[in-house]
C-alpha atoms as a PDB file:
ATOM      1  CA  MET A   1     167.530 141.374  81.742  1.00  0.00           C
ATOM      2  CA  ALA A   2     165.976 141.824  78.339  1.00  0.00           C
ATOM      3  CA  ARG A   3     162.651 142.826  78.510  1.00  0.00           C
ATOM      4  CA  TRP A   4     159.062 142.100  76.346  1.00  0.00           C
ATOM      5  CA  LEU A   5     157.876 145.660  74.635  1.00  0.00           C
ATOM      6  CA  VAL A   6     154.608 146.304  74.386  1.00  0.00           C
ATOM      7  CA  THR A   7     152.504 148.884  72.157  1.00  0.00           C
ATOM      8  CA  GLN A   8     149.223 149.816  72.822  1.00  0.00           C
ATOM      9  CA  GLY A   9     148.244 152.601  70.603  1.00  0.00           C
ATOM     10  CA  ASP A  10     150.597 155.344  70.931  1.00  0.00           C
ATOM     11  CA  ARG A  11     151.801 153.806  74.413  1.00  0.00           C
ATOM     12  CA  GLN A  12     154.737 151.670  74.910  1.00  0.00           C
ATOM     13  CA  PHE A  13     155.917 149.922  77.852  1.00  0.00           C
ATOM     14  CA  THR A  14     157.912 146.790  78.622  1.00  0.00           C
ATOM     15  CA  ALA A  15     157.030 143.827  80.878  1.00  0.00           C
ATOM     16  CA  GLN A  16     159.787 141.744  82.451  1.00  0.00           C
ATOM     17  CA  ASP A  17     158.846 138.316  81.243  1.00  0.00           C
ATOM     18  CA  LEU A  18     155.870 136.048  79.838  1.00  0.00           C
ATOM     19  CA  ARG A  19     154.466 136.008  83.735  1.00  0.00           C
ATOM     20  CA  GLU A  20     154.081 139.335  83.687  1.00  0.00           C
ATOM     21  CA  LEU A  21     152.260 139.557  80.119  1.00  0.00           C
ATOM     22  CA  GLN A  22     150.048 136.630  81.506  1.00  0.00           C
ATOM     23  CA  GLN A  23     149.275 138.792  84.358  1.00  0.00           C
ATOM     24  CA  LEU A  24     148.489 141.943  82.405  1.00  0.00           C
ATOM     25  CA  ALA A  25     146.193 139.934  80.293  1.00  0.00           C
ATOM     26  CA  ARG A  26     144.110 138.416  83.009  1.00  0.00           C
ATOM     27  CA  GLU A  27     143.601 141.779  84.564  1.00  0.00           C
ATOM     28  CA  GLY A  28     142.490 143.468  81.485  1.00  0.00           C
ATOM     29  CA  GLN A  29     145.389 145.516  80.897  1.00  0.00           C
ATOM     30  CA  LEU A  30     146.814 143.949  77.804  1.00  0.00           C
ATOM     31  CA  GLY A  31     144.615 143.177  75.062  1.00  0.00           C
ATOM     32  CA  PRO A  32     144.797 140.530  72.320  1.00  0.00           C
ATOM     33  CA  GLY A  33     145.171 142.950  69.419  1.00  0.00           C
ATOM     34  CA  ASP A  34     148.107 144.939  71.618  1.00  0.00           C
ATOM     35  CA  MET A  35     151.298 144.445  69.758  1.00  0.00           C
ATOM     36  CA  VAL A  36     154.339 142.504  71.797  1.00  0.00           C
ATOM     37  CA  GLN A  37     157.999 142.368  70.896  1.00  0.00           C
ATOM     38  CA  PRO A  38     159.812 139.403  72.512  1.00  0.00           C
ATOM     39  CA  PRO A  39     163.151 140.054  73.826  1.00  0.00           C
ATOM     40  CA  GLY A  40     166.111 140.440  71.294  1.00  0.00           C
ATOM     41  CA  ALA A  41     163.578 140.101  68.294  1.00  0.00           C
ATOM     42  CA  SER A  42     162.778 142.905  65.780  1.00  0.00           C
ATOM     43  CA  ASP A  43     159.325 141.677  64.411  1.00  0.00           C
ATOM     44  CA  TRP A  44     156.016 142.632  66.464  1.00  0.00           C
ATOM     45  CA  LEU A  45     153.385 139.918  67.021  1.00  0.00           C
ATOM     46  CA  TYR A  46     149.934 140.407  68.267  1.00  0.00           C
ATOM     47  CA  ALA A  47     149.315 139.619  71.884  1.00  0.00           C
ATOM     48  CA  THR A  48     146.662 136.971  70.846  1.00  0.00           C
ATOM     49  CA  GLU A  49     149.180 134.979  68.692  1.00  0.00           C
ATOM     50  CA  LEU A  50     151.298 134.098  71.852  1.00  0.00           C
ATOM     51  CA  PRO A  51     150.232 130.616  72.912  1.00  0.00           C
ATOM     52  CA  GLU A  52     151.058 131.198  76.249  1.00  0.00           C
ATOM     53  CA  LEU A  53     148.449 133.986  76.811  1.00  0.00           C
ATOM     54  CA  LYS A  54     145.438 131.997  74.880  1.00  0.00           C
ATOM     55  CA  GLY A  55     142.409 132.025  77.137  1.00  0.00           C
ATOM     56  CA  LEU A  56     143.879 134.459  79.409  1.00  0.00           C
ATOM     57  CA  PHE A  57     142.402 137.736  77.931  1.00  0.00           C
ATOM     58  CA  GLN A  58     139.041 139.132  79.613  1.00  0.00           C
ATOM     59  CA  GLU A  59     135.837 138.888  78.171  1.00  0.00           C
ATOM     60  CA  THR A  60     134.373 141.883  76.311  1.00  0.00           C
ATOM     61  CA  SER A  61     130.968 142.626  76.665  1.00  0.00           C
ATOM     62  CA  GLY A  62     128.849 143.656  73.581  1.00  0.00           C
ATOM     63  CA  GLY A  63     129.062 140.591  71.701  1.00  0.00           C
ATOM     64  CA  MET A  64     126.438 139.283  69.078  1.00  0.00           C
ATOM     65  CA  ASP A  65     124.715 135.953  69.912  1.00  0.00           C
ATOM     66  CA  ASP A  66     123.098 133.801  67.374  1.00  0.00           C
ATOM     67  CA  ASP A  67     119.866 135.506  67.969  1.00  0.00           C
ATOM     68  CA  ASP A  68     121.093 138.945  67.258  1.00  0.00           C
ATOM     69  CA  LEU A  69     122.430 137.782  64.193  1.00  0.00           C
ATOM     70  CA  GLU A  70     119.297 136.762  62.780  1.00  0.00           C
ATOM     71  CA  PHE A  71     117.851 139.972  63.580  1.00  0.00           C
ATOM     72  CA  GLY A  72     117.194 140.981  59.822  1.00  0.00           C
ATOM     73  CA  ARG A  73     114.463 137.919  59.236  1.00  0.00           C
ATOM     74  CA  LYS A  74     113.110 138.474  62.977  1.00  0.00           C
ATOM     75  CA  LYS A  75     112.162 142.300  62.306  1.00  0.00           C
ATOM     76  CA  GLY A  76     111.540 142.070  58.550  1.00  0.00           C
ATOM     77  CA  LEU A  77     114.542 144.011  57.485  1.00  0.00           C
ATOM     78  CA  PRO A  78     115.384 142.345  54.237  1.00  0.00           C
ATOM     79  CA  GLN A  79     112.303 144.362  53.007  1.00  0.00           C
ATOM     80  CA  ILE A  80     114.319 147.402  53.946  1.00  0.00           C
ATOM     81  CA  PRO A  81     117.415 148.896  51.879  1.00  0.00           C
ATOM     82  CA  VAL A  82     120.509 147.604  53.794  1.00  0.00           C
ATOM     83  CA  VAL A  83     121.752 151.263  54.360  1.00  0.00           C
ATOM     84  CA  ILE A  84     118.539 152.180  55.956  1.00  0.00           C
ATOM     85  CA  ALA A  85     118.515 149.082  58.182  1.00  0.00           C
ATOM     86  CA  LEU A  86     121.968 150.132  59.377  1.00  0.00           C
ATOM     87  CA  LEU A  87     120.963 153.626  60.393  1.00  0.00           C
ATOM     88  CA  MET A  88     118.075 151.993  62.170  1.00  0.00           C
ATOM     89  CA  LEU A  89     120.536 149.661  64.038  1.00  0.00           C
ATOM     90  CA  VAL A  90     122.577 152.657  64.910  1.00  0.00           C
ATOM     91  CA  ILE A  91     120.287 155.366  65.896  1.00  0.00           C
ATOM     92  CA  GLY A  92     117.845 152.943  67.876  1.00  0.00           C
ATOM     93  CA  GLY A  93     120.319 151.213  69.605  1.00  0.00           C
ATOM     94  CA  GLY A  94     118.404 147.803  70.101  1.00  0.00           C
ATOM     95  CA  TYR A  95     121.212 145.934  68.929  1.00  0.00           C
ATOM     96  CA  VAL A  96     124.756 145.681  69.911  1.00  0.00           C
ATOM     97  CA  MET A  97     127.158 145.626  67.380  1.00  0.00           C
ATOM     98  CA  TYR A  98     129.926 142.651  67.338  1.00  0.00           C
ATOM     99  CA  ASP A  99     132.509 143.845  69.403  1.00  0.00           C
ATOM    100  CA  LEU A 100     136.327 143.255  68.172  1.00  0.00           C
ATOM    101  CA  ALA A 101     138.102 145.106  71.055  1.00  0.00           C
ATOM    102  CA  ASN A 102     141.519 145.822  69.901  1.00  0.00           C
ATOM    103  CA  GLN A 103     141.864 142.454  67.722  1.00  0.00           C
ATOM    104  CA  ILE A 104     142.240 142.465  63.920  1.00  0.00           C
ATOM    105  CA  PRO A 105     140.551 139.101  63.137  1.00  0.00           C
ATOM    106  CA  ASP A 106     140.602 137.073  59.922  1.00  0.00           C
ATOM    107  CA  ALA A 107     138.282 138.289  57.041  1.00  0.00           C
ATOM    108  CA  SER A 108     135.962 135.104  57.660  1.00  0.00           C
ATOM    109  CA  GLU A 109     135.507 136.017  61.145  1.00  0.00           C
ATOM    110  CA  LEU A 110     134.158 139.650  60.353  1.00  0.00           C
ATOM    111  CA  ASP A 111     130.388 139.048  59.625  1.00  0.00           C
ATOM    112  CA  LEU A 112     128.298 141.875  60.831  1.00  0.00           C
ATOM    113  CA  LEU A 113     125.111 142.321  59.841  1.00  0.00           C
ATOM    114  CA  GLY A 114     123.916 138.588  59.385  1.00  0.00           C
ATOM    115  CA  GLU A 115     122.242 137.647  56.040  1.00  0.00           C
ATOM    116  CA  SER A 116     124.127 140.529  54.059  1.00  0.00           C
ATOM    117  CA  GLY A 117     127.583 138.883  54.971  1.00  0.00           C
ATOM    118  CA  LEU A 118     128.880 142.814  55.397  1.00  0.00           C
ATOM    119  CA  ALA A 119     132.337 142.540  56.878  1.00  0.00           C
ATOM    120  CA  LEU A 120     134.054 145.281  58.755  1.00  0.00           C
ATOM    121  CA  THR A 121     136.495 145.609  55.951  1.00  0.00           C
ATOM    122  CA  GLU A 122     133.778 146.008  53.157  1.00  0.00           C
ATOM    123  CA  MET A 123     131.484 148.868  52.099  1.00  0.00           C
ATOM    124  CA  LEU A 124     128.128 149.378  50.709  1.00  0.00           C
ATOM    125  CA  ILE A 125     127.492 151.778  47.483  1.00  0.00           C
ATOM    126  CA  THR A 126     125.147 154.610  48.917  1.00  0.00           C
ATOM    127  CA  ALA A 127     124.780 156.506  45.426  1.00  0.00           C
ATOM    128  CA  ASP A 128     122.026 155.461  43.225  1.00  0.00           C
ATOM    129  CA  PRO A 129     124.023 154.429  41.470  1.00  0.00           C
ATOM    130  CA  ALA A 130     127.614 155.281  41.850  1.00  0.00           C
ATOM    131  CA  ASN A 131     129.929 156.113  38.677  1.00  0.00           C
ATOM    132  CA  LEU A 132     132.866 153.958  38.731  1.00  0.00           C
ATOM    133  CA  LYS A 133     135.660 156.151  37.314  1.00  0.00           C
ATOM    134  CA  ALA A 134     138.811 155.222  35.501  1.00  0.00           C
ATOM    135  CA  LYS A 135     140.797 157.964  37.596  1.00  0.00           C
ATOM    136  CA  PRO A 136     140.138 159.383  40.927  1.00  0.00           C
ATOM    137  CA  GLU A 137     139.782 162.938  39.920  1.00  0.00           C
ATOM    138  CA  GLU A 138     136.716 164.883  39.284  1.00  0.00           C
ATOM    139  CA  GLY A 139     135.634 164.698  35.307  1.00  0.00           C
ATOM    140  CA  ALA A 140     137.237 161.391  34.900  1.00  0.00           C
ATOM    141  CA  SER A 141     135.726 159.155  32.620  1.00  0.00           C
ATOM    142  CA  ALA A 142     133.413 156.428  34.022  1.00  0.00           C
ATOM    143  CA  VAL A 143     134.160 152.892  33.037  1.00  0.00           C
ATOM    144  CA  GLY A 144     130.806 151.527  34.447  1.00  0.00           C
ATOM    145  CA  THR A 145     128.286 151.912  37.204  1.00  0.00           C
ATOM    146  CA  VAL A 146     127.638 150.285  40.513  1.00  0.00           C
ATOM    147  CA  ALA A 147     124.030 149.958  41.803  1.00  0.00           C
ATOM    148  CA  LYS A 148     123.118 151.161  45.203  1.00  0.00           C
ATOM    149  CA  ASP A 149     123.480 148.928  48.112  1.00  0.00           C
ATOM    150  CA  THR A 150     125.994 146.750  46.411  1.00  0.00           C
ATOM    151  CA  LYS A 151     128.808 145.407  48.650  1.00  0.00           C
ATOM    152  CA  VAL A 152     132.379 146.672  47.681  1.00  0.00           C
ATOM    153  CA  GLN A 153     135.888 145.465  48.473  1.00  0.00           C
ATOM    154  CA  LEU A 154     138.446 148.442  49.273  1.00  0.00           C
ATOM    155  CA  VAL A 155     141.738 148.327  47.188  1.00  0.00           C
ATOM    156  CA  ALA A 156     143.177 151.824  48.224  1.00  0.00           C
ATOM    157  CA  LYS A 157     142.689 155.175  48.882  1.00  0.00           C
ATOM    158  CA  ARG A 158     143.536 158.504  47.333  1.00  0.00           C
ATOM    159  CA  GLY A 159     142.584 161.997  48.468  1.00  0.00           C
ATOM    160  CA  ASP A 160     138.479 161.866  48.385  1.00  0.00           C
ATOM    161  CA  TYR A 161     138.511 158.834  46.414  1.00  0.00           C
ATOM    162  CA  TYR A 162     138.420 154.873  47.255  1.00  0.00           C
ATOM    163  CA  HIS A 163     139.881 152.446  44.722  1.00  0.00           C
ATOM    164  CA  ILE A 164     137.240 149.660  45.045  1.00  0.00           C
ATOM    165  CA  LYS A 165     136.865 146.298  43.561  1.00  0.00           C
ATOM    166  CA  THR A 166     133.471 144.677  42.575  1.00  0.00           C
ATOM    167  CA  ASP A 167     132.435 141.241  41.176  1.00  0.00           C
ATOM    168  CA  SER A 168     132.290 142.860  37.786  1.00  0.00           C
ATOM    169  CA  GLY A 169     135.348 144.976  37.857  1.00  0.00           C
ATOM    170  CA  GLU A 170     137.229 147.527  39.967  1.00  0.00           C
ATOM    171  CA  GLY A 171     137.835 151.585  39.511  1.00  0.00           C
ATOM    172  CA  TRP A 172     137.235 154.635  41.718  1.00  0.00           C
ATOM    173  CA  VAL A 173     134.336 156.088  43.669  1.00  0.00           C
ATOM    174  CA  GLY A 174     133.852 159.241  45.904  1.00  0.00           C
ATOM    175  CA  VAL A 175     134.379 158.655  49.566  1.00  0.00           C
ATOM    176  CA  LYS A 176     130.843 160.241  49.891  1.00  0.00           C
ATOM    177  CA  GLU A 177     129.391 157.668  47.421  1.00  0.00           C
ATOM    178  CA  VAL A 178     130.117 154.634  50.084  1.00  0.00           C
ATOM    179  CA  VAL A 179     129.544 154.061  53.577  1.00  0.00           C
ATOM    180  CA  PRO A 180     132.109 151.516  55.535  1.00  0.00           C
ATOM    181  CA  ALA A 181     130.804 148.983  57.550  1.00  0.00           C
ATOM    182  CA  TYR A 182     132.732 149.642  60.477  1.00  0.00           C
ATOM    183  CA  LEU A 183     131.282 153.137  61.125  1.00  0.00           C
ATOM    184  CA  PHE A 184     128.181 151.362  62.405  1.00  0.00           C
ATOM    185  CA  ALA A 185     130.370 149.199  65.095  1.00  0.00           C
ATOM    186  CA  ASP A 186     130.897 150.341  68.675  1.00  0.00           C
ATOM    187  CA  SER A 187     133.610 153.101  69.440  1.00  0.00           C
ATOM    188  CA  ARG A 188     136.563 150.936  70.275  1.00  0.00           C
ATOM    189  CA  THR A 189     135.937 149.169  66.632  1.00  0.00           C
ATOM    190  CA  ARG A 190     135.759 152.000  64.985  1.00  0.00           C
ATOM    191  CA  GLU A 191     138.819 153.038  66.260  1.00  0.00           C
ATOM    192  CA  ASP A 192     140.432 149.958  65.463  1.00  0.00           C
ATOM    193  CA  TYR A 193     139.145 149.904  61.827  1.00  0.00           C
ATOM    194  CA  ASP A 194     139.926 153.583  60.995  1.00  0.00           C
ATOM    195  CA  PRO A 195     143.417 153.030  59.464  1.00  0.00           C
ATOM    196  CA  ILE A 196     141.748 150.860  56.893  1.00  0.00           C
ATOM    197  CA  TYR A 197     139.494 153.327  55.619  1.00  0.00           C
ATOM    198  CA  ASN A 198     141.944 156.416  56.226  1.00  0.00           C
ATOM    199  CA  PRO A 199     145.372 155.197  55.758  1.00  0.00           C
ATOM    200  CA  ASP A 200     146.748 158.746  54.890  1.00  0.00           C
ATOM    201  CA  ARG A 201     145.871 159.803  58.422  1.00  0.00           C
ATOM    202  CA  TYR A 202     148.458 157.020  59.898  1.00  0.00           C
ATOM    203  CA  VAL A 203     151.544 157.026  57.389  1.00  0.00           C
ATOM    204  CA  PHE A 204     153.572 160.158  57.230  1.00  0.00           C
ATOM    205  CA  VAL A 205     156.677 161.306  55.345  1.00  0.00           C
ATOM    206  CA  LYS A 206     159.237 162.098  57.630  1.00  0.00           C
ATOM    207  CA  ASN A 207     162.993 163.915  57.262  1.00  0.00           C
ATOM    208  CA  SER A 208     162.535 164.560  53.735  1.00  0.00           C
ATOM    209  CA  SER A 209     165.255 166.203  51.901  1.00  0.00           C
ATOM    210  CA  TRP A 210     165.908 167.271  48.009  1.00  0.00           C
ATOM    211  CA  MET A 211     169.161 168.168  46.097  1.00  0.00           C
ATOM    212  CA  GLN A 212     170.381 168.733  42.499  1.00  0.00           C
ATOM    213  CA  LEU A 213     173.877 168.123  41.927  1.00  0.00           C
ATOM    214  CA  PRO A 214     175.276 169.911  38.478  1.00  0.00           C
ATOM    215  CA  ALA A 215     174.963 166.466  36.669  1.00  0.00           C
ATOM    216  CA  GLN A 216     171.398 166.279  37.679  1.00  0.00           C
ATOM    217  CA  GLN A 217     170.773 169.915  36.897  1.00  0.00           C
ATOM    218  CA  GLU A 218     171.673 168.940  33.213  1.00  0.00           C
ATOM    219  CA  LEU A 219     169.063 166.108  33.266  1.00  0.00           C
ATOM    220  CA  ASN A 220     166.560 168.173  35.085  1.00  0.00           C
ATOM    221  CA  THR A 221     166.308 165.358  37.882  1.00  0.00           C
ATOM    222  CA  THR A 222     166.046 165.793  41.533  1.00  0.00           C
ATOM    223  CA  LEU A 223     167.116 163.314  44.264  1.00  0.00           C
ATOM    224  CA  PHE A 224     164.555 162.889  47.085  1.00  0.00           C
ATOM    225  CA  GLN A 225     165.597 161.100  50.516  1.00  0.00           C
ATOM    226  CA  PHE A 226     162.899 160.534  52.952  1.00  0.00           C
ATOM    227  CA  LEU A 227     161.312 158.264  55.559  1.00  0.00           C
ATOM    228  CA  LEU A 228     157.757 156.884  55.692  1.00  0.00           C
ATOM    229  CA  GLN A 229     156.533 156.242  58.877  1.00  0.00           C
ATOM    230  CA  ASN A 230     153.581 154.099  59.984  1.00  0.00           C
ATOM    231  CA  LYS A 231     151.417 154.844  63.039  1.00  0.00           C
ATOM    232  CA  SER A 232     148.864 152.005  62.729  1.00  0.00           C
ATOM    233  CA  LYS A 233     148.864 148.492  63.607  1.00  0.00           C
ATOM    234  CA  PHE A 234     148.086 147.482  60.029  1.00  0.00           C
ATOM    235  CA  GLU A 235     150.791 146.833  57.191  1.00  0.00           C
ATOM    236  CA  MET A 236     150.769 149.462  54.633  1.00  0.00           C
ATOM    237  CA  ASN A 237     151.493 148.985  50.691  1.00  0.00           C
ATOM    238  CA  ASN A 238     150.198 150.227  47.559  1.00  0.00           C
ATOM    239  CA  LEU A 239     152.228 153.265  48.005  1.00  0.00           C
ATOM    240  CA  VAL A 240     152.318 156.018  45.410  1.00  0.00           C
ATOM    241  CA  LEU A 241     154.120 159.336  46.427  1.00  0.00           C
ATOM    242  CA  LEU A 242     153.645 162.966  44.828  1.00  0.00           C
ATOM    243  CA  ALA A 243     157.006 164.755  44.086  1.00  0.00           C
ATOM    244  CA  THR A 244     156.409 168.283  43.384  1.00  0.00           C
ATOM    245  CA  ILE A 245     158.326 171.437  42.602  1.00  0.00           C
ATOM    246  CA  LYS A 246     157.344 175.009  43.199  1.00  0.00           C
ATOM    247  CA  ASP A 247     158.515 178.451  41.873  1.00  0.00           C
ATOM    248  CA  LYS A 248     159.687 181.443  44.461  1.00  0.00           C
ATOM    249  CA  ASN A 249     156.034 182.381  44.571  1.00  0.00           C
ATOM    250  CA  ASP A 250     155.116 179.011  45.957  1.00  0.00           C
ATOM    251  CA  ARG A 251     153.243 178.072  42.733  1.00  0.00           C
ATOM    252  CA  VAL A 252     153.257 174.480  41.930  1.00  0.00           C
ATOM    253  CA  LEU A 253     155.301 173.867  38.579  1.00  0.00           C
ATOM    254  CA  GLU A 254     155.127 170.405  38.204  1.00  0.00           C
ATOM    255  CA  GLY A 255     154.161 167.037  39.927  1.00  0.00           C
ATOM    256  CA  VAL A 256     155.315 163.500  39.255  1.00  0.00           C
ATOM    257  CA  GLU A 257     153.724 160.402  40.856  1.00  0.00           C
ATOM    258  CA  ILE A 258     156.157 157.867  42.070  1.00  0.00           C
ATOM    259  CA  PRO A 259     154.847 154.195  42.707  1.00  0.00           C
ATOM    260  CA  ILE A 260     156.831 152.538  45.698  1.00  0.00           C
ATOM    261  CA  GLU A 261     157.100 148.799  45.839  1.00  0.00           C
ATOM    262  CA  GLY A 262     157.031 146.869  49.348  1.00  0.00           C
ATOM    263  CA  SER A 263     155.451 147.726  52.280  1.00  0.00           C
ATOM    264  CA  ILE A 264     155.450 149.519  55.742  1.00  0.00           C
ATOM    265  CA  ALA A 265     155.427 147.191  58.727  1.00  0.00           C
ATOM    266  CA  PRO A 266     152.945 148.053  61.648  1.00  0.00           C
ATOM    267  CA  TYR A 267     154.405 150.788  64.029  1.00  0.00           C
ATOM    268  CA  SER A 268     157.617 151.205  62.331  1.00  0.00           C
ATOM    269  CA  SER A 269     159.510 153.377  59.640  1.00  0.00           C
ATOM    270  CA  VAL A 270     161.410 152.741  56.600  1.00  0.00           C
ATOM    271  CA  GLU A 271     163.506 154.446  54.175  1.00  0.00           C
ATOM    272  CA  VAL A 272     163.135 154.551  50.271  1.00  0.00           C
ATOM    273  CA  GLY A 273     165.674 153.900  47.754  1.00  0.00           C
ATOM    274  CA  THR A 274     166.190 152.831  44.445  1.00  0.00           C
ATOM    275  CA  LEU A 275     167.682 149.342  43.035  1.00  0.00           C
ATOM    276  CA  MET A 276     169.340 149.959  39.721  1.00  0.00           C
ATOM    277  CA  PRO A 277     169.126 147.661  36.724  1.00  0.00           C
ATOM    278  CA  GLN A 278     171.848 144.985  36.525  1.00  0.00           C
ATOM    279  CA  GLU A 279     172.746 145.862  33.027  1.00  0.00           C
ATOM    280  CA  MET A 280     172.992 149.598  34.101  1.00  0.00           C
ATOM    281  CA  ASP A 281     176.535 149.761  34.730  1.00  0.00           C
ATOM    282  CA  ASP A 282     177.212 153.798  33.688  1.00  0.00           C
ATOM    283  CA  PRO A 283     177.738 155.562  36.861  1.00  0.00           C
ATOM    284  CA  THR A 284     176.431 158.433  34.989  1.00  0.00           C
ATOM    285  CA  ALA A 285     173.363 157.213  34.516  1.00  0.00           C
ATOM    286  CA  GLY A 286     171.721 158.179  37.848  1.00  0.00           C
ATOM    287  CA  LEU A 287     168.988 156.182  39.595  1.00  0.00           C
ATOM    288  CA  LEU A 288     166.379 156.664  36.752  1.00  0.00           C
ATOM    289  CA  GLY A 289     165.020 153.437  35.499  1.00  0.00           C
ATOM    290  CA  GLY A 290     165.566 151.567  38.580  1.00  0.00           C
ATOM    291  CA  ARG A 291     162.986 149.775  41.073  1.00  0.00           C
ATOM    292  CA  MET A 292     161.928 152.319  43.755  1.00  0.00           C
ATOM    293  CA  MET A 293     161.232 150.131  46.945  1.00  0.00           C
ATOM    294  CA  THR A 294     161.157 150.279  50.622  1.00  0.00           C
ATOM    295  CA  THR A 295     164.408 149.041  52.368  1.00  0.00           C
ATOM    296  CA  ARG A 296     161.889 146.377  54.173  1.00  0.00           C
ATOM    297  CA  LEU A 297     161.433 144.977  50.709  1.00  0.00           C
ATOM    298  CA  PHE A 298     165.300 145.361  49.574  1.00  0.00           C
ATOM    299  CA  GLN A 299     166.185 143.243  52.808  1.00  0.00           C
ATOM    300  CA  GLU A 300     164.144 140.635  51.606  1.00  0.00           C
ATOM    301  CA  LEU A 301     165.350 140.532  48.184  1.00  0.00           C
ATOM    302  CA  ARG A 302     169.008 140.662  49.353  1.00  0.00           C
ATOM    303  CA  LYS A 303     168.889 137.419  51.241  1.00  0.00           C
ATOM    304  CA  ASP A 304     169.043 135.618  48.310  1.00  0.00           C
ATOM    305  CA  ASP A 305     171.405 137.832  46.561  1.00  0.00           C
ATOM    306  CA  PRO A 306     173.816 139.913  48.846  1.00  0.00           C
ATOM    307  CA  ASP A 307     175.397 141.403  45.681  1.00  0.00           C
ATOM    308  CA  LEU A 308     172.449 143.770  45.254  1.00  0.00           C
ATOM    309  CA  ASP A 309     174.018 145.957  47.853  1.00  0.00           C
ATOM    310  CA  LEU A 310     176.406 147.262  44.917  1.00  0.00           C
ATOM    311  CA  ARG A 311     173.206 148.297  43.020  1.00  0.00           C
ATOM    312  CA  TRP A 312     171.349 149.699  45.762  1.00  0.00           C
ATOM    313  CA  SER A 313     171.248 153.737  46.386  1.00  0.00           C
ATOM    314  CA  ALA A 314     169.028 155.707  49.175  1.00  0.00           C
ATOM    315  CA  GLY A 315     166.484 158.049  47.798  1.00  0.00           C
ATOM    316  CA  VAL A 316     164.545 158.188  44.632  1.00  0.00           C
ATOM    317  CA  GLU A 317     165.476 160.210  41.517  1.00  0.00           C
ATOM    318  CA  VAL A 318     162.524 162.036  39.584  1.00  0.00           C
ATOM    319  CA  GLN A 319     162.833 163.660  36.740  1.00  0.00           C
ATOM    320  CA  MET A 320     161.390 167.011  36.158  1.00  0.00           C
ATOM    321  CA  ASP A 321     160.419 169.055  32.951  1.00  0.00           C
ATOM    322  CA  SER A 322     160.318 172.655  34.772  1.00  0.00           C
ATOM    323  CA  GLU A 323     163.303 174.682  35.502  1.00  0.00           C
ATOM    324  CA  GLY A 324     164.003 177.517  37.816  1.00  0.00           C
ATOM    325  CA  PHE A 325     162.371 176.171  40.782  1.00  0.00           C
ATOM    326  CA  VAL A 326     163.401 176.724  44.217  1.00  0.00           C
ATOM    327  CA  GLU A 327     161.381 174.126  46.272  1.00  0.00           C
ATOM    328  CA  ALA A 328     160.770 170.470  46.179  1.00  0.00           C
ATOM    329  CA  ASN A 329     158.528 168.527  48.123  1.00  0.00           C
ATOM    330  CA  ILE A 330     157.466 164.687  48.562  1.00  0.00           C
ATOM    331  CA  ASP A 331     153.785 163.926  49.699  1.00  0.00           C
ATOM    332  CA  LEU A 332     152.162 160.702  50.517  1.00  0.00           C
ATOM    333  CA  LEU A 333     149.505 160.124  47.589  1.00  0.00           C
ATOM    334  CA  GLU A 334     147.975 156.866  47.438  1.00  0.00           C
ATOM    335  CA  LEU A 335     148.196 153.809  49.876  1.00  0.00           C
ATOM    336  CA  ARG A 336     146.464 150.864  51.444  1.00  0.00           C
ATOM    337  CA  ALA A 337     146.181 149.174  54.881  1.00  0.00           C
ATOM    338  CA  VAL A 338     146.134 145.465  54.739  1.00  0.00           C
ATOM    339  CA  PRO A 339     143.656 143.504  57.157  1.00  0.00           C
ATOM    340  CA  LYS A 340     145.665 140.663  58.964  1.00  0.00           C
ATOM    341  CA  LYS A 341     145.015 137.705  56.845  1.00  0.00           C
ATOM    342  CA  LEU A 342     142.886 139.305  54.161  1.00  0.00           C
ATOM    343  CA  ASP A 343     144.589 138.097  51.163  1.00  0.00           C
END
């Protein structure tokens, strides 16, 4: 008999039927944010999305009531900078943060600090002010400044920088120049939302390999093949990879950024390939000039055009100017975790 598959963090187990899932929910062994896969299906659902489980999940303690949401007005905190108020909230322990347990709620349900309207998927600027940079690197030119305590939205992460969006524009700031709201929540919520602010801890390049055929050597191109694995419950997109080559002394000769279209579903792995342009009918032209994307996106596109199979090739081909390298690597450079129903 086909069974339901359940994922809780890094743990997976099976349930025989909906009746068993309902019993697990009543006993608190199944949470609303746990992932379930129906028998015979390939897609995953949040347990809370199943109508048969509505109202069965055990209540979690630590929720805020209406009086708690008014703590700023009661205690006079509007006169204190928001970040200091947050620190007082955490250190004093007098107020319990909104406990989201293992759910990923709608963005509209994530108000965390009453009047401030700060959501668990948002950040506050802590620098006074923060320089908004054009590129995520030290010494990059500034495209503007963002005042302290400004609420900003995360777009993506690259190394030690966040790509943020403000009411007046967007750019890059250092991770130490902001404070994510989720850090002031309870431990379970912090664990839940960590992939949003640290997606590079949850996505990995797997089974990577590279090769150079004689024709590729003449063009200084290298073919990379690999998998991208997502170990979080969030969909990942805004993917940018970095291809590097090294000499025999392990010295990096060159690096090339590779934007990848598409996304990686929660708790899944995808290959990356290249969709060549329709007009490129020269078999010696290689993959350069094609659209590099996940197989997940490619499968969506081919539903409307099965002939795309003729233009699809596994892997991505990267052109390098340096010669005489002995090692080539593919690494994750930039990405974004997509909160459910945020967009």
